[in-house]
Amino acid sequence: MHILLMEDDPVLADILVDYLAETYQVSHAYNSENVHKFLENTQFDLFIFDINVTGQNGIELLKELREFSNNTPTIFITAYKDTNHLKKAFDAGAHDYIKKPFELDELSIRISNLKRIFNIDANKPLEITPEVLFDQKTRTIIKNGNIISIGHKNTQILNYFLKNKARVISNDELFQNIWDYDSLPSEATLRSHIRDLRNIIGKEKIKTIRAEGYMYE
């Protein structure tokens, strides 16, 4: 599991990085500019953003990322105590919110909760149907006892669908979250990936929403 932490307090940042690095892979950004640079080359499983950082604040940053279809699970940490910032955080697309000062164990519990909700870094295969299991770690589907390799991109696509169930996902959203900007595929290539997945996990699992995209059910 790879976490991107944005925190501009060097003391708190060191504490959080040291603590999180005991369990997870952690990258540290001081501000939104650093975050964007990380996102150019790396996909993250979880964002932990402080709200009140220099430059663009955490809420503005997350709102911008959501507008570009980045739906990475996000926890805000903040010294703000008012409900106004709480509301703004969730309106921007946050999944959790923790107020300073906090115990490190509390942060760990909140991370574990999001891991469970979004099936992040699962150690055992995920059940798609009683007959079909998905092992993202080995990039395989276990279907009726047979192991089928599905490759890197199909694994990423299926994992993205699983994190965004029952929601219409456009082609552009898949392009932006699965491929690098300089290697965007054609729509025909995307359709080929979707067709391959449907043939393995069942056509009914990934529905085409006409003129909008796809929905995983």
Protein backbone atom coordinates (compact mmCIF):
# COMPACT_ATOMS: atom_id res chain seq x y z
CA MET A 1 0.00 0.00 0.00
CA HIS A 2 1.43 3.36 -1.08
CA ILE A 3 0.40 6.49 0.84
CA LEU A 4 0.98 10.09 -0.24
CA LEU A 5 1.21 12.38 2.79
CA MET A 6 0.98 16.17 2.36
CA GLU A 7 2.15 17.93 5.53
CA ASP A 8 4.25 21.11 5.70
CA ASP A 9 5.06 20.95 9.43
CA PRO A 10 8.50 19.27 9.35
CA VAL A 11 8.24 17.90 12.90
CA LEU A 12 4.80 16.36 12.44
CA ALA A 13 5.75 15.14 8.96
CA ASP A 14 8.78 13.29 10.32
CA ILE A 15 6.66 11.67 13.04
CA LEU A 16 3.97 10.57 10.58
CA VAL A 17 6.40 9.32 7.94
CA ASP A 18 8.37 7.29 10.49
CA TYR A 19 5.20 5.79 11.94
CA LEU A 20 3.51 4.99 8.62
CA ALA A 21 6.70 3.64 7.05
CA GLU A 22 6.69 0.81 9.59
CA THR A 23 3.72 -0.67 7.74
CA TYR A 24 3.30 1.10 4.41
CA GLN A 25 5.23 2.68 1.57
CA VAL A 26 5.09 6.46 2.12
CA SER A 27 5.86 9.47 -0.04
CA HIS A 28 5.95 12.92 1.55
CA ALA A 29 4.91 16.18 -0.09
CA TYR A 30 5.17 19.61 1.55
CA ASN A 31 2.58 21.30 -0.67
CA SER A 32 0.22 20.82 -3.61
CA GLU A 33 2.99 21.46 -6.13
CA ASN A 34 4.92 18.48 -4.71
CA VAL A 35 1.73 16.39 -4.85
CA HIS A 36 1.25 17.09 -8.55
CA LYS A 37 4.85 16.13 -9.27
CA PHE A 38 4.40 12.81 -7.47
CA LEU A 39 1.17 12.13 -9.38
CA GLU A 40 2.88 12.57 -12.73
CA ASN A 41 4.62 9.22 -12.31
CA THR A 42 3.03 7.36 -9.40
CA GLN A 43 -0.38 5.98 -8.47
CA PHE A 44 -1.24 5.99 -4.77
CA ASP A 45 -3.66 3.90 -2.74
CA LEU A 46 -4.36 6.59 -0.14
CA PHE A 47 -3.93 10.34 0.32
CA ILE A 48 -3.42 11.89 3.76
CA PHE A 49 -3.62 15.68 3.33
CA ASP A 50 -3.26 18.46 5.87
CA ILE A 51 -5.73 21.24 5.06
CA ASN A 52 -3.75 24.28 6.10
CA VAL A 53 -0.52 24.07 4.10
CA THR A 54 1.35 26.83 2.29
CA GLY A 55 0.02 27.67 -1.16
CA GLN A 56 -3.04 25.80 -2.35
CA ASN A 57 -4.73 24.28 0.69
CA GLY A 58 -5.66 20.62 1.00
CA ILE A 59 -9.36 21.10 0.31
CA GLU A 60 -8.71 23.10 -2.86
CA LEU A 61 -6.19 20.48 -3.98
CA LEU A 62 -8.55 17.56 -3.44
CA LYS A 63 -11.39 19.35 -5.21
CA GLU A 64 -9.10 19.88 -8.20
CA LEU A 65 -7.99 16.24 -8.21
CA ARG A 66 -11.61 15.05 -8.07
CA GLU A 67 -12.45 17.28 -11.05
CA PHE A 68 -9.77 15.36 -12.98
CA SER A 69 -11.39 12.05 -11.92
CA ASN A 70 -8.77 11.11 -9.32
CA ASN A 71 -10.83 9.19 -6.75
CA THR A 72 -8.04 8.01 -4.48
CA PRO A 73 -9.38 7.51 -0.91
CA THR A 74 -8.46 10.55 1.19
CA ILE A 75 -8.08 11.40 4.87
CA PHE A 76 -7.76 15.01 5.97
CA ILE A 77 -5.78 15.95 9.06
CA THR A 78 -6.31 19.45 10.41
CA ALA A 79 -6.09 21.77 13.39
CA TYR A 80 -9.47 23.28 12.47
CA LYS A 81 -12.21 22.45 14.97
CA ASP A 82 -15.20 24.06 13.22
CA THR A 83 -17.82 22.16 11.25
CA ASN A 84 -17.49 24.56 8.30
CA HIS A 85 -14.10 23.09 7.31
CA LEU A 86 -15.45 19.61 8.01
CA LYS A 87 -18.30 20.18 5.54
CA LYS A 88 -15.97 21.67 2.93
CA ALA A 89 -13.65 18.68 3.24
CA PHE A 90 -16.39 16.13 2.63
CA ASP A 91 -17.93 18.26 -0.14
CA ALA A 92 -14.52 18.25 -1.85
CA GLY A 93 -14.48 14.44 -1.80
CA ALA A 94 -12.78 13.42 1.45
CA HIS A 95 -13.54 10.00 2.94
CA ASP A 96 -12.40 10.73 6.50
CA TYR A 97 -11.35 13.66 8.69
CA ILE A 98 -9.15 13.67 11.80
CA LYS A 99 -8.55 16.67 14.09
CA LYS A 100 -5.20 17.54 15.66
CA PRO A 101 -3.90 16.59 18.09
CA PHE A 102 -4.56 12.90 17.53
CA GLU A 103 -3.08 9.60 18.60
CA LEU A 104 -1.12 7.73 15.96
CA ASP A 105 -3.19 4.65 16.73
CA GLU A 106 -6.32 6.61 15.77
CA LEU A 107 -4.83 7.39 12.37
CA SER A 108 -3.92 3.72 11.94
CA ILE A 109 -7.50 2.67 12.72
CA ARG A 110 -8.89 5.13 10.19
CA ILE A 111 -6.45 3.89 7.53
CA SER A 112 -7.45 0.30 8.24
CA ASN A 113 -11.10 1.22 7.87
CA LEU A 114 -10.54 2.73 4.42
CA LYS A 115 -8.45 -0.28 3.44
CA ARG A 116 -11.43 -2.47 4.30
CA ILE A 117 -13.98 -0.28 2.54
CA PHE A 118 -11.96 0.05 -0.67
CA ASN A 119 -10.30 -3.37 -0.53
CA ILE A 120 -6.87 -1.74 -0.59
CA ASP A 121 -3.85 -3.99 -0.40
CA ALA A 122 -5.92 -7.10 0.17
CA ASN A 123 -3.85 -10.18 1.00
CA LYS A 124 -6.41 -12.74 -0.12
CA PRO A 125 -8.29 -13.03 -3.42
CA LEU A 126 -11.46 -10.98 -3.69
CA GLU A 127 -14.68 -12.80 -4.47
CA ILE A 128 -16.32 -11.44 -7.63
CA THR A 129 -18.82 -14.30 -7.76
CA PRO A 130 -18.82 -17.61 -5.85
CA GLU A 131 -17.01 -19.15 -8.84
CA VAL A 132 -14.69 -16.24 -9.67
CA LEU A 133 -11.94 -14.86 -7.44
CA PHE A 134 -9.60 -11.95 -8.21
CA ASP A 135 -6.02 -11.95 -6.90
CA GLN A 136 -4.67 -8.48 -7.70
CA LYS A 137 -1.30 -9.32 -6.18
CA THR A 138 -0.59 -12.07 -8.73
CA ARG A 139 -2.72 -10.46 -11.49
CA THR A 140 -4.84 -13.56 -11.84
CA ILE A 141 -8.46 -14.66 -11.87
CA ILE A 142 -9.28 -17.99 -10.26
CA LYS A 143 -12.35 -19.29 -12.11
CA ASN A 144 -13.83 -22.65 -11.18
CA GLY A 145 -10.42 -23.63 -9.83
CA ASN A 146 -8.55 -22.56 -12.99
CA ILE A 147 -5.94 -19.77 -12.77
CA ILE A 148 -6.12 -17.18 -15.56
CA SER A 149 -3.47 -14.48 -15.92
CA ILE A 150 -5.03 -11.12 -16.87
CA GLY A 151 -1.99 -8.86 -17.17
CA HIS A 152 -1.07 -5.52 -15.64
CA LYS A 153 -3.57 -3.17 -17.35
CA ASN A 154 -6.54 -5.48 -16.96
CA THR A 155 -5.65 -5.83 -13.28
CA GLN A 156 -5.57 -2.05 -12.89
CA ILE A 157 -8.88 -1.63 -14.72
CA LEU A 158 -10.64 -4.33 -12.72
CA ASN A 159 -9.24 -2.97 -9.47
CA TYR A 160 -10.50 0.51 -10.39
CA PHE A 161 -13.97 -0.84 -11.12
CA LEU A 162 -14.01 -2.66 -7.79
CA LYS A 163 -13.15 0.58 -5.96
CA ASN A 164 -15.92 2.45 -7.80
CA LYS A 165 -18.83 0.02 -7.84
CA ALA A 166 -22.29 1.11 -9.03
CA ARG A 167 -20.97 4.38 -10.45
CA VAL A 168 -20.73 5.41 -14.08
CA ILE A 169 -17.07 5.62 -15.10
CA SER A 170 -16.24 7.40 -18.35
CA ASN A 171 -13.53 6.41 -20.80
CA ASP A 172 -11.63 9.59 -19.92
CA GLU A 173 -11.69 8.71 -16.22
CA LEU A 174 -10.20 5.30 -16.96
CA PHE A 175 -7.57 6.85 -19.24
CA GLN A 176 -6.53 9.38 -16.59
CA ASN A 177 -6.35 6.87 -13.74
CA ILE A 178 -4.87 3.83 -15.50
CA TRP A 179 -2.52 5.19 -18.14
CA ASP A 180 0.26 7.79 -18.11
CA TYR A 181 -0.44 10.98 -20.03
CA ASP A 182 2.19 10.21 -22.68
CA SER A 183 0.88 6.69 -23.32
CA LEU A 184 -2.90 7.12 -23.56
CA PRO A 185 -4.54 4.31 -25.55
CA SER A 186 -7.25 4.51 -28.18
CA GLU A 187 -10.87 3.86 -27.29
CA ALA A 188 -10.62 0.65 -29.32
CA THR A 189 -7.81 -0.52 -27.03
CA LEU A 190 -9.92 0.22 -23.96
CA ARG A 191 -12.86 -1.69 -25.44
CA SER A 192 -10.52 -4.64 -26.03
CA HIS A 193 -9.47 -4.63 -22.35
CA ILE A 194 -13.12 -4.44 -21.24
CA ARG A 195 -14.06 -7.29 -23.60
CA ASP A 196 -11.27 -9.48 -22.22
CA LEU A 197 -12.40 -8.86 -18.64
CA ARG A 198 -16.04 -9.55 -19.48
CA ASN A 199 -15.15 -12.84 -21.10
CA ILE A 200 -13.41 -13.94 -17.89
CA ILE A 201 -15.54 -12.54 -15.05
CA GLY A 202 -18.91 -12.46 -16.80
CA LYS A 203 -20.47 -9.99 -19.22
CA GLU A 204 -23.08 -8.92 -16.68
CA LYS A 205 -20.47 -7.55 -14.24
CA ILE A 206 -19.36 -4.61 -16.44
CA LYS A 207 -22.29 -2.84 -18.08
CA THR A 208 -21.99 -0.35 -20.93
CA ILE A 209 -23.82 2.91 -20.20
CA ARG A 210 -24.58 4.33 -23.61
CA ALA A 211 -22.73 7.58 -24.42
CA GLU A 212 -21.39 7.74 -20.84
CA GLY A 213 -19.01 4.86 -20.11
CA TYR A 214 -19.17 1.75 -17.95
CA MET A 215 -20.58 0.61 -14.63
CA TYR A 216 -19.41 -2.31 -12.52
CA GLU A 217 -22.14 -4.14 -10.63
